[in-house]
Amino acid sequence: MLARTAAPTNARKNNTGSNRVAQLCHELTALRPELFGRALRLSRSPETAEDLVQDTVERAIRFQDTFQTGTSLRAWAHQILFSVFITRCRRTRRERNALDVLATDPCAWTAPEARSDVAALSPPVAAAFRALPLNFRAVLVLVDLEEMSYKAAAKKLRVPLGTVMSRLHRGRKILAQKVSVPERMRAAA
């Protein structure tokens, strides 16, 4: 008798879950033109934009459990789209760098990876970079120059993930201000 009462409850649960997926798919389908427009502005290629939208919808459906009912699906989908775009850009850059290295030295993949250095920056940017407080500079080196993930940088620096994100944001902002001030002075002169 107990088994009979549990079965309808599970059936209701599955039905509710499938209704939620169907609703999410319907709403994402309605957002596709808007997502495509943003993807086109980001990528400047219709084929790439279509791929970005497809990956965004696929990722939204796969991670539907993270969507909080009552929040903006539009904002959530646009954030996923932007994350997919950034991930693709980073992957493309890594692949291009690897191919450039292999084009000059076919055996380079066997050598240890060279460490990114501040010396590769232009002199004004390098000077502004060295003028940053050490906490901000360390995060910028790990995340932006060495392309380390936020999580790996947090582990290496032994700070919380939120601290890495905060320092990265503030460090980039300070660096942008330090670099842009001389440009404004040059333009005025």
Protein backbone atom coordinates (compact mmCIF):
# COMPACT_ATOMS: atom_id res chain seq x y z
CA MET A 1 0.00 0.00 0.00
CA LEU A 2 2.89 2.37 0.76
CA ALA A 3 4.38 1.74 -2.69
CA ARG A 4 1.14 2.79 -4.38
CA THR A 5 1.10 6.20 -2.68
CA ALA A 6 4.76 6.89 -3.49
CA ALA A 7 4.36 6.26 -7.22
CA PRO A 8 1.93 9.15 -7.94
CA THR A 9 4.17 11.53 -5.95
CA ASN A 10 7.18 10.62 -8.11
CA ALA A 11 5.07 10.94 -11.24
CA ARG A 12 3.96 14.43 -10.17
CA LYS A 13 7.59 15.37 -9.47
CA ASN A 14 8.73 14.21 -12.92
CA ASN A 15 5.77 15.94 -14.57
CA THR A 16 6.61 19.20 -12.78
CA GLY A 17 10.24 18.89 -13.82
CA SER A 18 9.36 18.26 -17.45
CA ASN A 19 6.92 21.21 -17.38
CA ARG A 20 9.71 23.43 -16.09
CA VAL A 21 12.07 22.27 -18.86
CA ALA A 22 9.37 22.82 -21.48
CA GLN A 23 8.67 26.32 -20.11
CA LEU A 24 12.41 27.14 -20.07
CA CYS A 25 12.82 25.89 -23.66
CA HIS A 26 9.83 27.94 -24.79
CA GLU A 27 11.17 31.11 -23.17
CA LEU A 28 14.69 30.52 -24.53
CA THR A 29 13.24 30.06 -28.01
CA ALA A 30 11.55 33.44 -27.68
CA LEU A 31 14.91 34.97 -26.64
CA ARG A 32 16.87 33.48 -29.59
CA PRO A 33 16.58 36.56 -31.89
CA GLU A 34 17.75 38.86 -29.10
CA LEU A 35 20.58 36.50 -28.17
CA PHE A 36 21.57 36.24 -31.84
CA GLY A 37 21.75 40.04 -32.12
CA ARG A 38 24.05 40.30 -29.13
CA ALA A 39 26.16 37.37 -30.32
CA LEU A 40 26.47 39.02 -33.74
CA ARG A 41 27.62 42.27 -32.14
CA LEU A 42 30.20 40.38 -30.08
CA SER A 43 31.54 38.06 -32.78
CA ARG A 44 30.87 40.09 -35.96
CA SER A 45 30.22 36.83 -37.81
CA PRO A 46 26.77 35.35 -38.45
CA GLU A 47 28.09 31.76 -38.37
CA THR A 48 29.92 32.29 -35.09
CA ALA A 49 26.93 34.13 -33.65
CA GLU A 50 24.65 31.20 -34.47
CA ASP A 51 27.11 28.81 -32.81
CA LEU A 52 27.25 31.04 -29.73
CA VAL A 53 23.47 31.11 -29.44
CA GLN A 54 23.28 27.34 -29.88
CA ASP A 55 25.91 26.80 -27.17
CA THR A 56 24.11 29.29 -24.91
CA VAL A 57 20.76 27.54 -25.23
CA GLU A 58 22.38 24.14 -24.74
CA ARG A 59 24.21 25.33 -21.64
CA ALA A 60 21.07 27.00 -20.24
CA ILE A 61 19.11 23.77 -20.60
CA ARG A 62 21.96 21.69 -19.15
CA PHE A 63 22.29 23.98 -16.12
CA GLN A 64 18.60 24.77 -15.70
CA ASP A 65 18.81 23.80 -12.02
CA THR A 66 20.95 26.88 -11.34
CA PHE A 67 18.27 29.23 -12.68
CA GLN A 68 16.29 30.73 -9.83
CA THR A 69 12.58 31.02 -10.53
CA GLY A 70 11.44 34.60 -10.21
CA THR A 71 14.68 36.08 -11.55
CA SER A 72 15.25 37.41 -15.05
CA LEU A 73 15.71 34.61 -17.58
CA ARG A 74 16.81 37.23 -20.10
CA ALA A 75 19.67 38.44 -17.91
CA TRP A 76 20.67 34.86 -17.07
CA ALA A 77 20.74 33.86 -20.75
CA HIS A 78 22.73 36.97 -21.72
CA GLN A 79 25.28 36.20 -18.99
CA ILE A 80 25.62 32.64 -20.29
CA LEU A 81 26.09 33.99 -23.82
CA PHE A 82 28.83 36.34 -22.68
CA SER A 83 30.57 33.56 -20.74
CA VAL A 84 30.46 31.28 -23.77
CA PHE A 85 31.90 34.09 -25.93
CA ILE A 86 34.76 34.81 -23.50
CA THR A 87 35.57 31.10 -23.21
CA ARG A 88 35.74 30.80 -26.99
CA CYS A 89 37.99 33.86 -27.26
CA ARG A 90 40.40 32.49 -24.68
CA ARG A 91 40.44 29.06 -26.31
CA THR A 92 41.08 30.62 -29.74
CA ARG A 93 43.90 32.74 -28.34
CA ARG A 94 45.54 29.72 -26.68
CA GLU A 95 45.24 27.68 -29.87
CA ARG A 96 46.65 30.51 -31.99
CA ASN A 97 49.58 30.96 -29.59
CA ALA A 98 50.26 27.22 -29.61
CA LEU A 99 50.18 27.11 -33.41
CA ASP A 100 52.50 30.13 -33.65
CA VAL A 101 55.00 28.41 -31.37
CA LEU A 102 54.75 25.11 -33.22
CA ALA A 103 55.15 26.90 -36.56
CA THR A 104 58.52 28.26 -35.48
CA ASP A 105 59.66 25.13 -33.61
CA PRO A 106 57.85 21.83 -34.29
CA CYS A 107 59.35 20.28 -31.14
CA ALA A 108 58.27 23.16 -28.90
CA TRP A 109 55.48 21.09 -27.34
CA THR A 110 58.13 18.97 -25.61
CA ALA A 111 59.79 21.99 -23.98
CA PRO A 112 58.45 23.45 -20.71
CA GLU A 113 56.04 26.33 -21.22
CA ALA A 114 57.60 29.78 -21.12
CA ARG A 115 56.26 32.05 -18.38
CA SER A 116 54.41 35.20 -19.42
CA ASP A 117 56.20 38.32 -18.35
CA VAL A 118 55.41 41.97 -17.79
CA ALA A 119 58.26 42.76 -20.22
CA ALA A 120 55.92 41.91 -23.12
CA LEU A 121 53.76 44.94 -22.22
CA SER A 122 54.35 48.35 -23.76
CA PRO A 123 56.55 50.65 -21.62
CA PRO A 124 53.69 52.92 -20.39
CA VAL A 125 51.51 49.93 -19.49
CA ALA A 126 54.43 48.11 -17.85
CA ALA A 127 55.22 51.22 -15.76
CA ALA A 128 51.58 51.57 -14.71
CA PHE A 129 51.49 47.85 -13.97
CA ARG A 130 54.56 48.05 -11.70
CA ALA A 131 52.96 51.02 -9.88
CA LEU A 132 49.95 48.90 -8.84
CA PRO A 133 49.75 47.70 -5.23
CA LEU A 134 51.21 44.20 -4.87
CA ASN A 135 47.87 42.50 -4.09
CA PHE A 136 46.29 43.78 -7.30
CA ARG A 137 49.39 43.16 -9.39
CA ALA A 138 49.67 39.54 -8.22
CA VAL A 139 46.08 38.77 -9.24
CA LEU A 140 46.48 40.51 -12.61
CA VAL A 141 49.65 38.53 -13.35
CA LEU A 142 48.03 35.21 -12.52
CA VAL A 143 44.66 35.75 -14.23
CA ASP A 144 45.38 38.11 -17.13
CA LEU A 145 48.99 37.38 -18.05
CA GLU A 146 49.30 33.72 -17.11
CA GLU A 147 45.64 33.00 -18.00
CA MET A 148 45.08 31.12 -14.76
CA SER A 149 41.50 30.46 -13.68
CA TYR A 150 40.04 32.48 -10.81
CA LYS A 151 39.83 29.35 -8.71
CA ALA A 152 43.48 28.38 -9.34
CA ALA A 153 44.62 31.95 -8.62
CA ALA A 154 42.67 31.97 -5.36
CA LYS A 155 44.28 28.69 -4.35
CA LYS A 156 47.78 29.91 -5.25
CA LEU A 157 47.33 33.22 -3.41
CA ARG A 158 45.51 31.48 -0.52
CA VAL A 159 42.61 33.92 -0.59
CA PRO A 160 38.86 33.40 -1.18
CA LEU A 161 37.57 33.32 -4.75
CA GLY A 162 35.58 36.52 -4.18
CA THR A 163 38.76 38.32 -3.11
CA VAL A 164 40.44 37.34 -6.39
CA MET A 165 37.48 38.64 -8.40
CA SER A 166 37.36 41.87 -6.40
CA ARG A 167 41.11 42.51 -6.69
CA LEU A 168 41.03 41.72 -10.38
CA HIS A 169 38.20 44.18 -11.00
CA ARG A 170 39.78 46.92 -8.91
CA GLY A 171 43.27 46.24 -10.30
CA ARG A 172 42.06 46.48 -13.90
CA LYS A 173 40.19 49.68 -13.07
CA ILE A 174 43.27 51.28 -11.45
CA LEU A 175 45.48 50.14 -14.34
CA ALA A 176 43.06 51.60 -16.91
CA GLN A 177 43.01 54.92 -15.05
CA LYS A 178 46.80 55.06 -14.82
CA VAL A 179 47.22 54.27 -18.51
CA SER A 180 44.47 56.61 -19.77
CA VAL A 181 45.62 59.72 -17.87
CA PRO A 182 48.81 60.25 -19.94
CA GLU A 183 46.81 59.75 -23.17
CA ARG A 184 44.41 62.51 -22.17
CA MET A 185 47.35 64.76 -21.31
CA ARG A 186 48.95 64.06 -24.70
CA ALA A 187 45.68 64.80 -26.51
CA ALA A 188 45.32 68.13 -24.70
CA ALA A 189 48.88 69.18 -25.58
